[in-house]
Amino acid sequence: LIIFFGAGILSGIAQMLLTPGELAVGASGAVMGVFGASAAATLRLKDVLPATVRNSELKWMAGLALMQIVFDQIVNFASMYPDSRGDAVRIASWAHAGGIVAGFALGYCLPMKPFKLKKTDVSSTSS
C-alpha cells in the first residue's frame, strides 16, 4: 500500500510539474510504481535469485517499460490531430515515468521483511 499510494501521489506530482496545463486522471502511475518496485526487489534479491533468473527478469521488465514509453509517445503524437469533434486523447506519460521512478526508489529504500524457506517433510504425508 505504501508503494502503490506513494508512487501514485509522486507520479501525479511529476505529471503536474512537467505538464501543468494537462488534466490527468487515473491510477496508472501507481500501477507503474508497483512495476518499478518489482524491478527494485529483483535487484535487491541478489542473494536469493540466481543471476540468470535475475538478469532475465530485469531484461523483460526493462523491455516492457521501454515499450510503454514508446506506446505513450505514439498515442500522444497521434493526439496532435484531434478527431472531427475536436477531441484528443492523451496519455499522462510523465505520470507513468514518475510512477516507475518513484516505485523503484520506494522499493529500493523500504525495508524488506526477511523470509525463510520452510522445509517440508515428505514422509509425513499420508495417502
C-alpha atoms as a PDB file:
ATOM      1  CA  LEU A   1       0.000   0.000   0.000  1.00  0.00           C
ATOM      2  CA  ILE A   2       2.875   2.359   0.770  1.00  0.00           C
ATOM      3  CA  ILE A   3       4.365   1.763  -2.663  1.00  0.00           C
ATOM      4  CA  PHE A   4       1.031   1.984  -4.506  1.00  0.00           C
ATOM      5  CA  PHE A   5      -0.188   5.170  -2.851  1.00  0.00           C
ATOM      6  CA  GLY A   6       3.275   6.737  -2.563  1.00  0.00           C
ATOM      7  CA  ALA A   7       4.018   6.155  -6.251  1.00  0.00           C
ATOM      8  CA  GLY A   8       0.516   7.324  -7.160  1.00  0.00           C
ATOM      9  CA  ILE A   9       0.970  10.624  -5.347  1.00  0.00           C
ATOM     10  CA  LEU A  10       4.523  11.164  -6.625  1.00  0.00           C
ATOM     11  CA  SER A  11       3.544  10.296 -10.197  1.00  0.00           C
ATOM     12  CA  GLY A  12       0.709  12.824 -10.022  1.00  0.00           C
ATOM     13  CA  ILE A  13       3.126  15.463  -8.772  1.00  0.00           C
ATOM     14  CA  ALA A  14       5.526  14.669 -11.621  1.00  0.00           C
ATOM     15  CA  GLN A  15       2.688  14.988 -14.147  1.00  0.00           C
ATOM     16  CA  MET A  16       1.517  18.307 -12.676  1.00  0.00           C
ATOM     17  CA  LEU A  17       5.017  19.787 -12.579  1.00  0.00           C
ATOM     18  CA  LEU A  18       6.065  18.687 -16.067  1.00  0.00           C
ATOM     19  CA  THR A  19       2.778  19.298 -17.906  1.00  0.00           C
ATOM     20  CA  PRO A  20       0.865  21.831 -15.798  1.00  0.00           C
ATOM     21  CA  GLY A  21      -1.790  22.536 -18.433  1.00  0.00           C
ATOM     22  CA  GLU A  22      -2.918  18.919 -18.888  1.00  0.00           C
ATOM     23  CA  LEU A  23      -5.559  17.259 -16.776  1.00  0.00           C
ATOM     24  CA  ALA A  24      -4.684  13.692 -15.779  1.00  0.00           C
ATOM     25  CA  VAL A  25      -6.939  11.160 -14.092  1.00  0.00           C
ATOM     26  CA  GLY A  26      -6.306   7.535 -13.203  1.00  0.00           C
ATOM     27  CA  ALA A  27      -4.176   5.123 -11.239  1.00  0.00           C
ATOM     28  CA  SER A  28      -1.744   4.100 -13.954  1.00  0.00           C
ATOM     29  CA  GLY A  29       1.128   5.980 -12.295  1.00  0.00           C
ATOM     30  CA  ALA A  30       0.562   3.956  -9.122  1.00  0.00           C
ATOM     31  CA  VAL A  31       0.454   0.717 -11.114  1.00  0.00           C
ATOM     32  CA  MET A  32       3.697   1.682 -12.842  1.00  0.00           C
ATOM     33  CA  GLY A  33       5.105   2.314  -9.363  1.00  0.00           C
ATOM     34  CA  VAL A  34       4.364  -1.260  -8.343  1.00  0.00           C
ATOM     35  CA  PHE A  35       6.130  -2.356 -11.526  1.00  0.00           C
ATOM     36  CA  GLY A  36       9.160  -0.199 -10.622  1.00  0.00           C
ATOM     37  CA  ALA A  37       9.183  -1.614  -7.088  1.00  0.00           C
ATOM     38  CA  SER A  38       9.171  -5.137  -8.547  1.00  0.00           C
ATOM     39  CA  ALA A  39      12.302  -4.288 -10.509  1.00  0.00           C
ATOM     40  CA  ALA A  40      13.927  -2.904  -7.354  1.00  0.00           C
ATOM     41  CA  ALA A  41      13.020  -6.066  -5.436  1.00  0.00           C
ATOM     42  CA  THR A  42      14.510  -8.191  -8.201  1.00  0.00           C
ATOM     43  CA  LEU A  43      17.768  -6.268  -7.840  1.00  0.00           C
ATOM     44  CA  ARG A  44      17.707  -6.469  -4.056  1.00  0.00           C
ATOM     45  CA  LEU A  45      17.159 -10.238  -4.009  1.00  0.00           C
ATOM     46  CA  LYS A  46      20.580 -10.931  -5.493  1.00  0.00           C
ATOM     47  CA  ASP A  47      21.385 -13.338  -2.635  1.00  0.00           C
ATOM     48  CA  VAL A  48      18.208 -15.342  -3.245  1.00  0.00           C
ATOM     49  CA  LEU A  49      17.655 -15.295  -7.003  1.00  0.00           C
ATOM     50  CA  PRO A  50      20.179 -16.962  -9.301  1.00  0.00           C
ATOM     51  CA  ALA A  51      21.965 -14.441 -11.543  1.00  0.00           C
ATOM     52  CA  THR A  52      20.460 -15.915 -14.715  1.00  0.00           C
ATOM     53  CA  VAL A  53      16.917 -15.600 -13.374  1.00  0.00           C
ATOM     54  CA  ARG A  54      17.532 -12.094 -12.032  1.00  0.00           C
ATOM     55  CA  ASN A  55      19.060 -10.903 -15.312  1.00  0.00           C
ATOM     56  CA  SER A  56      16.282 -12.473 -17.361  1.00  0.00           C
ATOM     57  CA  GLU A  57      13.595 -10.823 -15.222  1.00  0.00           C
ATOM     58  CA  LEU A  58      15.293  -7.432 -15.370  1.00  0.00           C
ATOM     59  CA  LYS A  59      15.664  -7.653 -19.158  1.00  0.00           C
ATOM     60  CA  TRP A  60      11.982  -8.308 -19.839  1.00  0.00           C
ATOM     61  CA  MET A  61      10.980  -5.660 -17.282  1.00  0.00           C
ATOM     62  CA  ALA A  62      13.226  -3.091 -18.986  1.00  0.00           C
ATOM     63  CA  GLY A  63      11.792  -4.103 -22.372  1.00  0.00           C
ATOM     64  CA  LEU A  64       8.242  -3.742 -21.109  1.00  0.00           C
ATOM     65  CA  ALA A  65       8.978  -0.318 -19.612  1.00  0.00           C
ATOM     66  CA  LEU A  66      10.579   0.793 -22.885  1.00  0.00           C
ATOM     67  CA  MET A  67       7.559  -0.437 -24.860  1.00  0.00           C
ATOM     68  CA  GLN A  68       5.266   1.554 -22.537  1.00  0.00           C
ATOM     69  CA  ILE A  69       7.299   4.713 -23.093  1.00  0.00           C
ATOM     70  CA  VAL A  70       7.212   4.239 -26.879  1.00  0.00           C
ATOM     71  CA  PHE A  71       3.461   3.494 -26.823  1.00  0.00           C
ATOM     72  CA  ASP A  72       2.809   6.628 -24.742  1.00  0.00           C
ATOM     73  CA  GLN A  73       4.711   8.754 -27.237  1.00  0.00           C
ATOM     74  CA  ILE A  74       2.931   7.233 -30.251  1.00  0.00           C
ATOM     75  CA  VAL A  75      -0.505   7.904 -28.746  1.00  0.00           C
ATOM     76  CA  ASN A  76       0.465  11.418 -27.689  1.00  0.00           C
ATOM     77  CA  PHE A  77       1.883  12.145 -31.150  1.00  0.00           C
ATOM     78  CA  ALA A  78      -1.333  10.888 -32.771  1.00  0.00           C
ATOM     79  CA  SER A  79      -3.374  13.103 -30.441  1.00  0.00           C
ATOM     80  CA  MET A  80      -1.876  16.164 -32.069  1.00  0.00           C
ATOM     81  CA  TYR A  81      -4.530  15.596 -34.732  1.00  0.00           C
ATOM     82  CA  PRO A  82      -7.926  15.738 -32.973  1.00  0.00           C
ATOM     83  CA  ASP A  83     -10.945  13.901 -34.352  1.00  0.00           C
ATOM     84  CA  SER A  84     -13.929  15.592 -36.025  1.00  0.00           C
ATOM     85  CA  ARG A  85     -15.378  16.621 -32.638  1.00  0.00           C
ATOM     86  CA  GLY A  86     -12.108  18.263 -31.632  1.00  0.00           C
ATOM     87  CA  ASP A  87     -11.392  15.604 -29.014  1.00  0.00           C
ATOM     88  CA  ALA A  88      -7.877  14.307 -28.458  1.00  0.00           C
ATOM     89  CA  VAL A  89      -6.892  11.514 -26.120  1.00  0.00           C
ATOM     90  CA  ARG A  90      -3.570  11.938 -24.402  1.00  0.00           C
ATOM     91  CA  ILE A  91      -1.671   9.635 -22.098  1.00  0.00           C
ATOM     92  CA  ALA A  92      -0.104  11.050 -18.942  1.00  0.00           C
ATOM     93  CA  SER A  93       3.350   9.861 -19.936  1.00  0.00           C
ATOM     94  CA  TRP A  94       5.084  11.835 -17.183  1.00  0.00           C
ATOM     95  CA  ALA A  95       2.837  10.150 -14.624  1.00  0.00           C
ATOM     96  CA  HIS A  96       3.907   6.765 -15.985  1.00  0.00           C
ATOM     97  CA  ALA A  97       7.588   7.701 -15.906  1.00  0.00           C
ATOM     98  CA  GLY A  98       7.242   9.319 -12.485  1.00  0.00           C
ATOM     99  CA  GLY A  99       5.451   6.233 -11.190  1.00  0.00           C
ATOM    100  CA  ILE A 100       8.211   3.881 -12.339  1.00  0.00           C
ATOM    101  CA  VAL A 101      10.927   6.068 -10.819  1.00  0.00           C
ATOM    102  CA  ALA A 102       9.016   6.619  -7.562  1.00  0.00           C
ATOM    103  CA  GLY A 103       8.132   2.931  -7.237  1.00  0.00           C
ATOM    104  CA  PHE A 104      11.717   1.886  -7.920  1.00  0.00           C
ATOM    105  CA  ALA A 105      13.018   4.339  -5.316  1.00  0.00           C
ATOM    106  CA  LEU A 106      10.436   3.289  -2.729  1.00  0.00           C
ATOM    107  CA  GLY A 107      11.002  -0.391  -3.462  1.00  0.00           C
ATOM    108  CA  TYR A 108      14.736   0.015  -3.150  1.00  0.00           C
ATOM    109  CA  CYS A 109      14.627   2.063   0.062  1.00  0.00           C
ATOM    110  CA  LEU A 110      11.831   0.440   2.049  1.00  0.00           C
ATOM    111  CA  PRO A 111      12.907  -2.412   4.320  1.00  0.00           C
ATOM    112  CA  MET A 112      12.171  -5.909   3.099  1.00  0.00           C
ATOM    113  CA  LYS A 113      10.857  -8.486   5.510  1.00  0.00           C
ATOM    114  CA  PRO A 114      13.247 -11.423   5.512  1.00  0.00           C
ATOM    115  CA  PHE A 115      11.690 -14.713   4.627  1.00  0.00           C
ATOM    116  CA  LYS A 116      12.731 -18.253   5.366  1.00  0.00           C
ATOM    117  CA  LEU A 117      12.100 -21.250   3.212  1.00  0.00           C
ATOM    118  CA  LYS A 118      10.224 -23.964   5.052  1.00  0.00           C
ATOM    119  CA  LYS A 119      11.484 -27.485   4.726  1.00  0.00           C
ATOM    120  CA  THR A 120       8.715 -29.929   4.020  1.00  0.00           C
ATOM    121  CA  ASP A 121       8.756 -33.455   5.344  1.00  0.00           C
ATOM    122  CA  VAL A 122       7.673 -35.717   2.503  1.00  0.00           C
ATOM    123  CA  SER A 123       7.363 -38.768   4.756  1.00  0.00           C
ATOM    124  CA  SER A 124       4.670 -37.148   6.922  1.00  0.00           C
ATOM    125  CA  THR A 125       2.118 -37.004   4.119  1.00  0.00           C
ATOM    126  CA  SER A 126      -0.413 -39.803   4.225  1.00  0.00           C
ATOM    127  CA  SER A 127      -2.132 -41.359   1.258  1.00  0.00           C
END
